[in-house]
Protein backbone atom coordinates (compact mmCIF):
# COMPACT_ATOMS: atom_id res chain seq x y z
CA MET A 1 0.19 -0.03 0.14
CA ALA A 2 2.82 2.44 0.99
CA GLY A 3 4.49 1.47 -2.40
CA GLU A 4 1.63 2.26 -4.34
CA GLU A 5 1.06 5.62 -2.85
CA ALA A 6 4.90 6.57 -3.30
CA VAL A 7 4.30 5.85 -7.33
CA VAL A 8 1.27 7.68 -7.18
CA ALA A 9 2.56 10.58 -5.72
CA LEU A 10 5.42 10.67 -8.17
CA GLN A 11 2.93 10.41 -11.13
CA ALA A 12 1.00 13.28 -9.55
CA GLY A 13 3.73 15.55 -9.46
CA LEU A 14 4.74 15.46 -6.04
CA PRO A 15 8.11 17.31 -5.60
CA TYR A 16 11.20 14.59 -5.21
CA ALA A 17 11.98 16.65 -2.18
CA ALA A 18 9.02 15.24 -0.26
CA LEU A 19 9.89 11.89 -1.40
CA ALA A 20 13.36 12.24 -0.34
CA ALA A 21 12.33 13.37 3.06
CA VAL A 22 10.32 10.47 3.55
CA SER A 23 13.30 8.22 2.41
CA ILE A 24 15.69 9.96 4.71
CA ALA A 25 13.45 9.60 7.71
CA LEU A 26 12.73 5.73 7.13
CA ALA A 27 16.34 5.34 6.39
CA ALA A 28 17.58 6.87 9.95
CA ILE A 29 14.94 4.74 11.49
CA MET A 30 16.13 1.48 9.68
CA ALA A 31 19.75 2.33 10.58
CA GLY A 32 19.17 2.41 14.23
CA VAL A 33 17.16 -0.98 13.92
CA LEU A 34 20.24 -2.15 12.07
CA GLY A 35 22.41 -1.38 15.08
CA VAL A 36 20.31 -3.10 17.21
CA TRP A 37 20.39 -6.24 15.22
CA LEU A 38 24.31 -5.93 15.01
CA TYR A 39 24.14 -5.76 18.63
CA PHE A 40 21.86 -8.62 19.11
CA LEU A 41 23.84 -10.94 16.95
CA ALA A 42 27.34 -9.88 18.51
CA TYR A 43 25.76 -10.33 22.18
CA MET A 44 24.33 -13.70 21.57
CA VAL A 45 27.30 -15.17 19.97
CA ARG A 46 29.22 -13.96 23.08
CA SER A 47 26.52 -15.35 25.26
CA PHE A 48 26.56 -18.97 23.85
CA ARG A 49 30.42 -18.91 23.81
CA LEU A 50 30.73 -18.00 27.14
CA ALA A 51 27.63 -18.82 29.49
CA PRO A 52 28.41 -21.62 31.69
CA ARG A 53 26.82 -25.08 31.55
CA LEU A 54 25.21 -27.30 33.94
CA ASP A 55 28.34 -29.66 34.39
CA SER A 56 30.96 -26.78 34.35
CA PHE A 57 32.24 -26.48 37.90
CA ASP A 58 35.06 -27.87 40.17
CA ARG A 59 33.82 -30.97 41.03
CA SER A 60 36.71 -31.70 43.61
CA LYS A 61 34.98 -28.62 45.58
CA ALA A 62 31.77 -30.82 45.76
CA SER A 63 33.48 -34.27 46.54
CA GLY A 64 32.71 -35.61 49.95
CA SER A 65 29.78 -32.77 50.48
CA ARG A 66 26.79 -33.66 52.10
CA ARG A 67 24.00 -34.42 49.70
CA PRO A 68 20.87 -32.56 51.02
CA LYS A 69 17.39 -34.15 50.34
CA VAL A 70 15.89 -32.58 47.25
CA SER A 71 12.21 -32.16 47.18
CA VAL A 72 10.82 -32.00 43.44
CA ILE A 73 7.91 -29.57 43.43
CA LEU A 74 5.78 -30.49 40.35
CA PRO A 75 2.82 -28.47 39.77
CA ALA A 76 0.48 -29.82 36.76
CA ARG A 77 -2.85 -28.80 35.25
CA ASN A 78 -4.14 -30.50 32.26
CA GLU A 79 -1.00 -32.36 31.50
CA GLU A 80 -2.15 -35.62 30.56
CA PRO A 81 0.02 -35.91 27.48
CA TYR A 82 3.10 -35.01 29.32
CA ILE A 83 3.01 -36.01 32.67
CA ALA A 84 4.03 -39.43 32.72
CA ARG A 85 7.36 -38.97 30.74
CA CYS A 86 7.99 -36.25 33.22
CA LEU A 87 7.77 -38.37 35.99
CA ASP A 88 9.66 -41.08 34.37
CA SER A 89 12.87 -38.98 33.85
CA LEU A 90 12.59 -37.60 37.64
CA LEU A 91 12.18 -41.11 39.16
CA ALA A 92 15.26 -42.14 36.75
CA GLN A 93 17.52 -39.53 38.47
CA ASP A 94 20.80 -40.97 39.75
CA TYR A 95 20.77 -38.76 42.83
CA PRO A 96 20.45 -40.58 46.40
CA ASP A 97 18.02 -38.48 48.32
CA PHE A 98 15.00 -36.97 46.99
CA GLU A 99 11.16 -37.00 46.77
CA ILE A 100 8.82 -35.56 44.36
CA VAL A 101 5.65 -33.65 45.36
CA ALA A 102 3.23 -33.91 42.50
CA VAL A 103 0.36 -31.55 42.80
CA ASN A 104 -2.45 -31.88 40.64
CA ASP A 105 -3.79 -28.32 39.88
CA CYS A 106 -7.68 -29.08 39.46
CA SER A 107 -7.07 -31.07 36.02
CA SER A 108 -10.25 -31.93 34.47
CA ASP A 109 -8.20 -34.80 32.05
CA ARG A 110 -6.44 -37.75 33.52
CA THR A 111 -3.46 -36.03 35.01
CA GLY A 112 -4.50 -36.49 38.72
CA GLN A 113 -5.27 -40.41 37.93
CA ILE A 114 -1.73 -40.77 36.56
CA MET A 115 0.08 -39.07 39.19
CA GLN A 116 -1.69 -40.97 41.63
CA GLU A 117 -0.84 -44.22 39.90
CA TYR A 118 2.76 -43.14 40.15
CA ALA A 119 2.36 -42.30 44.02
CA ALA A 120 0.90 -45.88 44.44
CA ARG A 121 3.85 -47.90 42.96
CA ASP A 122 6.79 -45.45 44.24
CA ARG A 123 6.90 -43.93 47.60
CA ARG A 124 9.27 -41.17 46.41
CA VAL A 125 6.06 -39.83 44.66
CA VAL A 126 4.07 -37.68 47.22
CA TYR A 127 0.45 -36.95 45.65
CA VAL A 128 -0.95 -33.67 46.58
CA GLU A 129 -4.63 -32.89 45.36
CA ASN A 130 -4.66 -28.93 45.31
CA LEU A 131 -7.51 -27.05 46.76
CA PRO A 132 -9.17 -24.15 44.56
CA LYS A 133 -7.12 -21.22 44.38
CA PRO A 134 -8.11 -18.48 46.78
CA GLU A 135 -8.73 -14.90 45.31
CA GLY A 136 -5.27 -12.90 44.64
CA TRP A 137 -3.32 -15.98 43.76
CA ALA A 138 -2.46 -17.51 40.05
CA GLY A 139 -3.08 -20.82 39.71
CA LYS A 140 0.24 -21.99 39.19
CA THR A 141 1.61 -20.06 42.33
CA TRP A 142 -1.01 -21.48 44.66
CA ALA A 143 -0.19 -25.19 43.42
CA CYS A 144 3.73 -24.35 44.08
CA HIS A 145 3.05 -23.24 47.47
CA GLN A 146 1.13 -26.25 48.45
CA GLY A 147 3.78 -28.38 46.95
CA TYR A 148 6.03 -26.50 49.42
CA LEU A 149 3.72 -26.83 52.42
CA ARG A 150 4.42 -30.63 51.99
CA ALA A 151 8.05 -30.47 50.94
CA ARG A 152 10.41 -32.24 53.31
CA GLY A 153 13.82 -31.29 51.45
CA ASP A 154 16.51 -28.80 52.48
CA TYR A 155 16.92 -28.21 48.56
CA LEU A 156 13.82 -27.40 46.61
CA MET A 157 13.94 -28.09 42.87
CA PHE A 158 10.91 -26.82 40.75
CA THR A 159 9.85 -28.09 37.34
CA ASP A 160 7.27 -28.04 34.79
CA ALA A 161 5.15 -31.37 33.84
CA ASP A 162 6.07 -30.90 30.14
CA THR A 163 9.71 -31.05 31.06
CA GLU A 164 12.10 -34.01 30.58
CA HIS A 165 15.20 -34.54 32.66
CA ALA A 166 18.68 -36.43 31.88
CA PRO A 167 19.55 -38.88 34.67
CA ASP A 168 22.20 -36.43 36.37
CA ALA A 169 20.58 -33.28 35.90
CA MET A 170 19.63 -33.23 39.56
CA SER A 171 23.00 -34.67 40.86
CA LEU A 172 24.51 -31.92 38.66
CA ALA A 173 22.79 -29.03 40.01
CA VAL A 174 23.33 -29.97 43.70
CA ALA A 175 26.93 -30.33 42.97
CA HIS A 176 27.20 -27.29 41.09
CA MET A 177 25.36 -25.54 43.96
CA LEU A 178 27.53 -26.75 46.64
CA ALA A 179 30.76 -26.35 44.88
CA GLU A 180 30.05 -22.84 44.50
CA GLU A 181 28.29 -21.99 47.62
CA LEU A 182 25.05 -21.11 45.62
CA ASP A 183 21.80 -20.14 47.08
CA ALA A 184 19.78 -20.65 43.84
CA LEU A 185 20.49 -22.17 40.31
CA THR A 186 18.41 -22.09 37.10
CA ALA A 187 19.39 -24.02 33.82
CA VAL A 188 18.19 -22.76 30.31
CA PRO A 189 16.45 -25.80 28.82
CA ARG A 190 15.98 -26.83 25.09
CA LEU A 191 13.03 -25.63 24.04
CA VAL A 192 11.16 -28.03 21.90
CA CYS A 193 9.22 -26.85 18.96
CA ASN A 194 5.92 -29.00 18.23
CA ASP A 195 4.38 -26.99 15.43
CA PHE A 196 5.32 -24.73 12.33
CA TRP A 197 4.25 -21.47 13.72
CA THR A 198 6.53 -22.04 16.87
CA ARG A 199 9.40 -23.07 14.98
CA ILE A 200 9.40 -19.65 13.01
CA THR A 201 8.60 -17.45 16.10
CA LEU A 202 10.86 -18.78 18.89
CA PRO A 203 13.94 -17.79 17.39
CA GLY A 204 13.15 -14.29 16.97
CA LEU A 205 11.48 -14.29 20.44
CA SER A 206 14.36 -15.75 22.15
CA THR A 207 16.70 -13.27 20.16
CA PHE A 208 14.89 -10.10 21.08
CA LEU A 209 14.74 -11.50 24.98
CA HIS A 210 18.41 -13.15 24.91
CA THR A 211 20.08 -10.05 25.90
CA ARG A 212 17.62 -9.23 28.78
CA PHE A 213 17.80 -12.63 30.19
CA SER A 214 21.10 -14.01 29.24
CA PRO A 215 23.25 -15.84 31.73
CA LEU A 216 25.84 -13.36 31.26
CA ARG A 217 23.56 -10.43 32.61
CA VAL A 218 21.76 -12.85 35.39
CA ASN A 219 25.35 -13.98 36.59
CA ASP A 220 26.96 -10.31 36.64
CA PRO A 221 26.62 -8.88 40.12
CA ARG A 222 26.40 -5.49 38.46
CA HIS A 223 23.38 -6.16 36.78
CA LYS A 224 20.03 -6.18 38.50
CA THR A 225 18.60 -8.76 36.25
CA GLY A 226 17.38 -12.16 38.23
CA TYR A 227 15.38 -14.80 36.32
CA PHE A 228 14.32 -18.49 36.73
CA PHE A 229 13.15 -21.01 34.01
CA GLY A 230 10.32 -22.41 35.29
CA SER A 231 11.20 -25.83 33.53
CA PHE A 232 14.09 -26.06 35.95
CA PHE A 233 15.42 -24.19 39.06
CA VAL A 234 16.74 -25.40 42.33
CA ILE A 235 16.66 -23.39 45.67
CA THR A 236 17.72 -23.86 48.96
CA ARG A 237 14.84 -23.97 51.43
CA LYS A 238 16.44 -21.33 53.44
CA THR A 239 16.54 -18.77 50.63
CA TYR A 240 13.25 -19.52 49.42
CA GLU A 241 11.69 -18.66 52.46
CA ALA A 242 13.82 -15.57 52.87
CA VAL A 243 12.31 -14.14 49.59
CA GLY A 244 8.49 -15.12 50.58
CA THR A 245 8.23 -18.05 49.05
CA HIS A 246 5.61 -18.43 46.11
CA GLU A 247 3.40 -16.34 48.25
CA GLY A 248 5.56 -13.23 47.40
CA VAL A 249 4.81 -13.50 43.83
CA ARG A 250 1.38 -14.90 44.40
CA GLN A 251 -0.40 -12.77 41.76
CA GLU A 252 2.29 -13.20 38.84
CA LEU A 253 1.61 -14.83 35.66
CA VAL A 254 5.16 -15.34 35.07
CA GLU A 255 6.21 -16.43 38.42
CA ASP A 256 9.23 -17.89 37.79
CA GLY A 257 10.81 -14.88 36.45
CA ALA A 258 9.44 -12.77 39.17
CA LEU A 259 10.93 -15.35 41.92
CA GLY A 260 14.25 -15.14 40.57
CA ALA A 261 14.13 -11.24 40.42
CA ARG A 262 13.32 -11.28 44.29
CA VAL A 263 16.38 -13.65 44.67
CA LYS A 264 18.46 -11.62 42.75
CA ALA A 265 17.21 -8.56 44.59
CA GLY A 266 17.73 -9.93 48.02
CA GLY A 267 21.51 -10.41 47.36
CA HIS A 268 21.49 -14.19 47.31
CA ALA A 269 24.16 -16.24 45.38
CA MET A 270 22.44 -17.16 42.30
CA LYS A 271 23.59 -18.76 38.77
CA MET A 272 21.93 -19.12 35.59
CA VAL A 273 23.70 -22.22 33.60
CA ARG A 274 23.06 -23.52 29.97
CA GLY A 275 21.46 -27.19 30.35
CA GLU A 276 20.14 -27.62 26.79
CA ASP A 277 21.74 -30.98 26.69
CA ARG A 278 20.19 -32.43 29.86
CA ILE A 279 16.65 -30.84 30.11
CA GLU A 280 13.97 -30.15 27.70
CA ALA A 281 10.83 -28.30 27.88
CA VAL A 282 7.85 -27.37 25.25
CA TRP A 283 7.16 -23.97 25.27
CA ALA A 284 4.00 -23.92 23.05
CA ARG A 285 1.85 -26.86 22.09
CA ASP A 286 0.22 -25.19 18.92
CA LEU A 287 -0.87 -21.80 17.57
CA ASP A 288 -3.41 -21.37 20.30
CA THR A 289 -0.93 -21.73 23.31
CA LEU A 290 1.56 -19.80 21.58
CA TRP A 291 -0.67 -16.99 20.72
CA HIS A 292 -1.86 -16.79 24.65
CA GLY A 293 2.20 -17.34 25.47
CA LEU A 294 2.95 -14.23 23.96
CA ARG A 295 0.56 -12.22 25.45
CA ARG A 296 1.24 -13.70 28.88
CA LEU A 297 4.84 -12.01 28.61
CA VAL A 298 3.15 -8.55 28.12
CA ILE A 299 0.37 -8.85 30.80
CA PRO A 300 2.62 -8.65 33.67
CA LEU A 301 4.40 -5.98 32.50
CA TYR A 302 1.22 -3.97 31.10
CA HIS A 303 -0.15 -3.89 35.04
CA GLN A 304 3.22 -2.80 36.49
CA ASP A 305 4.25 -0.32 33.77
CA ARG A 306 1.83 0.43 31.18
CA LYS A 307 4.04 2.94 29.25
CA GLY A 308 7.08 0.44 29.44
CA ALA A 309 4.46 -2.54 27.98
CA HIS A 310 3.65 0.31 24.83
CA LEU A 311 7.11 1.06 24.53
CA ILE A 312 8.06 -2.91 24.19
CA ALA A 313 5.32 -3.18 21.94
CA ALA A 314 6.47 -0.37 19.77
CA ALA A 315 10.16 -2.04 19.91
CA VAL A 316 9.18 -5.27 18.63
CA PHE A 317 7.29 -3.63 15.74
CA PHE A 318 10.33 -1.27 14.52
CA ILE A 319 12.86 -4.21 15.45
CA MET A 320 11.02 -7.40 13.96
CA PHE A 321 8.48 -6.43 11.92
CA ALA A 322 9.06 -2.74 10.15
CA PRO A 323 11.89 -3.97 8.08
CA PHE A 324 9.60 -6.27 5.93
CA LEU A 325 6.77 -4.05 6.39
CA PHE A 326 8.78 -0.94 5.05
CA LEU A 327 9.82 -2.90 2.10
CA SER A 328 6.35 -2.10 0.35
CA TYR A 329 7.69 1.53 0.15
CA SER A 330 11.29 1.48 -0.31
CA VAL A 331 11.15 -0.99 -3.48
CA PRO A 332 8.73 1.10 -5.32
CA ALA A 333 10.13 4.32 -4.44
CA PHE A 334 13.44 3.02 -5.63
CA LEU A 335 12.09 1.83 -8.77
CA ALA A 336 10.15 4.98 -9.20
CA THR A 337 13.12 7.39 -8.74
CA PHE A 338 15.38 5.03 -10.89
CA LEU A 339 12.76 4.85 -13.83
CA ALA A 340 11.87 8.46 -13.65
CA ALA A 341 15.62 9.44 -13.68
CA ALA A 342 14.82 11.63 -10.70
CA ASP A 343 17.26 14.07 -9.12
CA ASP A 344 20.27 13.27 -7.29
CA VAL A 345 19.01 13.88 -3.88
CA SER A 346 15.91 11.79 -4.18
CA ALA A 347 17.60 8.90 -6.03
CA ILE A 348 20.29 8.70 -3.46
CA ALA A 349 17.83 8.73 -0.57
CA SER A 350 15.79 5.93 -1.98
CA SER A 351 18.97 3.93 -2.76
CA VAL A 352 20.07 4.34 0.70
CA LEU A 353 17.10 3.26 2.47
CA LEU A 354 16.71 0.19 0.31
CA GLY A 355 20.22 -0.69 0.97
CA ILE A 356 19.88 -0.35 4.63
CA GLU A 357 16.82 -2.12 4.72
CA LEU A 358 18.29 -4.99 3.10
CA SER A 359 21.21 -4.99 5.33
CA THR A 360 19.05 -5.21 8.15
CA ILE A 361 16.95 -7.75 6.91
CA ALA A 362 20.12 -9.83 6.42
CA VAL A 363 21.42 -9.22 9.72
CA LEU A 364 18.25 -9.95 11.29
CA MET A 365 17.73 -13.50 9.15
CA ALA A 366 21.56 -14.24 10.39
CA ALA A 367 20.82 -13.61 14.15
CA THR A 368 17.57 -15.74 13.85
CA ALA A 369 19.36 -18.52 12.04
CA VAL A 370 21.88 -18.36 14.81
CA GLN A 371 19.23 -18.47 17.58
CA SER A 372 17.54 -21.46 15.51
CA LYS A 373 20.57 -23.40 15.35
CA LEU A 374 22.21 -22.96 18.77
CA GLY A 375 19.26 -21.96 20.88
CA VAL A 376 16.31 -23.58 19.77
CA PHE A 377 18.34 -26.66 17.92
CA GLN A 378 16.60 -26.89 14.65
CA SER A 379 17.22 -25.87 11.16
CA PRO A 380 18.60 -22.43 10.53
CA ALA A 381 16.04 -22.33 7.46
CA TYR A 382 13.22 -21.78 9.80
CA ALA A 383 14.77 -18.16 9.79
CA LEU A 384 13.29 -17.46 6.47
CA GLY A 385 9.88 -17.52 8.69
CA ALA A 386 10.79 -14.50 10.36
CA PRO A 387 8.42 -12.26 8.57
CA LEU A 388 5.76 -14.16 9.68
CA GLY A 389 7.26 -14.80 13.25
CA GLY A 390 7.73 -10.92 13.73
CA ALA A 391 4.32 -10.19 12.80
CA LEU A 392 3.01 -13.06 15.15
CA ILE A 393 4.96 -11.47 17.88
CA TYR A 394 4.13 -7.88 17.49
CA PHE A 395 0.24 -8.69 17.00
CA GLY A 396 0.47 -10.89 20.23
CA PHE A 397 2.11 -8.29 22.15
CA ALA A 398 -0.19 -5.65 20.71
CA SER A 399 -3.50 -7.59 21.48
CA ALA A 400 -2.47 -8.17 24.72
CA ILE A 401 -2.01 -4.36 25.56
CA VAL A 402 -5.31 -3.65 23.82
CA ASP A 403 -7.37 -6.08 25.88
CA ALA A 404 -5.32 -5.82 29.29
CA GLY A 405 -8.11 -4.44 31.09
CA LYS A 406 -10.96 -6.90 29.87
CA GLN A 407 -12.15 -9.72 31.84
CA GLY A 408 -10.37 -12.84 31.36
CA ALA A 409 -7.55 -10.77 29.42
CA VAL A 410 -5.28 -14.34 29.26
CA ASN A 411 -6.25 -17.63 28.92
CA TRP A 412 -3.69 -19.93 30.16
CA ARG A 413 -3.72 -23.63 31.19
CA GLY A 414 -7.30 -23.61 30.91
CA ARG A 415 -7.80 -20.57 33.28
CA ARG A 416 -8.46 -16.93 32.53
CA TYR A 417 -6.79 -14.00 34.20
CA THR A 418 -7.69 -10.62 34.43
CA VAL A 419 -5.36 -7.65 35.07
CA SER A 420 -7.74 -5.21 36.38
CA GLU A 421 -8.59 -7.79 39.11
CA LYS A 422 -4.80 -8.25 39.79
CA GLN A 423 -4.49 -4.23 40.10
CA SER A 424 -7.39 -4.27 42.67
CA PHE A 425 -5.61 -6.82 44.91
CA LEU A 426 -2.38 -5.31 44.74
CA ARG A 427 -3.85 -2.32 46.01
CA SER A 428 -5.86 -4.14 48.82
CA VAL A 429 -2.46 -5.53 50.44
C-alpha cells in the first residue's frame, strides 16, 4: 500500500524533495534497527560462547560434601500428554535422596489419576490434590505453594510437567550449588517446538529476549536482572523462605521470572547455566498456546508499567516487523526514482533506504538463524519465516495491551486472568 502511494505521488507530480524526506526519515529509523540487530547478533554469539553449563564447575569442591534431601515440586494442570514422561525422567534421577511432590492443580483430564498411579507404585512420589486457589493467587503459584508446604527437603527443585530431565540433571545441579556455595541455580532448557508457528516464532522471540535474560547478565552482580526458568530451578529452602516463597509472587503470571528477580534483589548467590543438553521443555503446543503465551509475557508488564508495555510493543514493531513492512515502500520508491530519472537527492535517498533495509533484513535473518541453530536446536532455515514470526509476535503483544483491562484477558492452562482484578488485589495488600 505504501509503495503504491509512492508511485502515485510521483505520477501526480509530488516534489521529489518530499519523497527524499520520507526516504531519509525511514533510512534513519532503519539504521537504528540495523544497529540493534548487530548488537543482538554479537551479544548472542558471545553469550553462547561464554555462558557456563550445568556440568561446568570444579567437582573436587563438591566431592565429599553432604547430599541434602531434594524435594521436587511438580505442579500440573491438564498435562495428561506429558506428565508420565516427566515423572519417568524424574524417577530415573541418579541422585541418592529426593522426593517428588506431585501437585494436581484442579485438572479436568487424567493428570491427577496418572500422578496417583505413580504415587501408589513408588514411595518417592507424594501426591497432592490442590485446593481451589484463593482470590489473589495465580493458579500455578498456589499449586507451587501447596507443594512447598508438603516438601521435606532442604533443597527445592521446581519443574514443569512438560519437561524431561537427563538422569544426572539433579545431581549436577546440587553439586554445582555446593561447589560454588550458591543459594539458587536455574538452567536454560532446550525448548522443543512441536508446530510450524512456534518454529518460526521462537528464534526471533528468543533473540529479542536473549540480551535481557542472558546468563551473562543474570550472573553479573553489577546487573539487577534475576530470572528463573520454570522448567528447572533449584533453591535452598532457607533462601526460598527468605524471599517470601511463592506467596511473595502469588499474583504473578510469569512467577518463575518474578521469583528469580526477588532472589537477585535480595543479594542471594544465584546462577544461570545452559542446560539444553540435559533438560527439554515444551514452550508452546500449538498456535493457540503460542498466541496466549505471547500475550502472557506482556500482561504482567502492563499492570506494572503501562508506558513500558507500550514501549516494548513499539520496539517489537520496529525491530522485528518494520524491516519487512517498509519494503512495500522502499522498493517501489527506488524503482520509481530510478525509472523516472529523478534528481540526485531523491534517487540517493531511496537507494540508501533500500540498502539499509536489505542489510537490516540480512542481519536479522542471520541472528535468527544462529538462535534457531544454537538456541532452539532446529534447522537455521526456519529463519526464513522471520517475517511471519515477527508479525505474530508484534500482534500478540499489541493485542495483549488492547485487551489487558478486559475480563479474562489471558487464557492460560484453562484459566482466565484479568489484569484489573490483579491491580485491585495489589492495591488492597
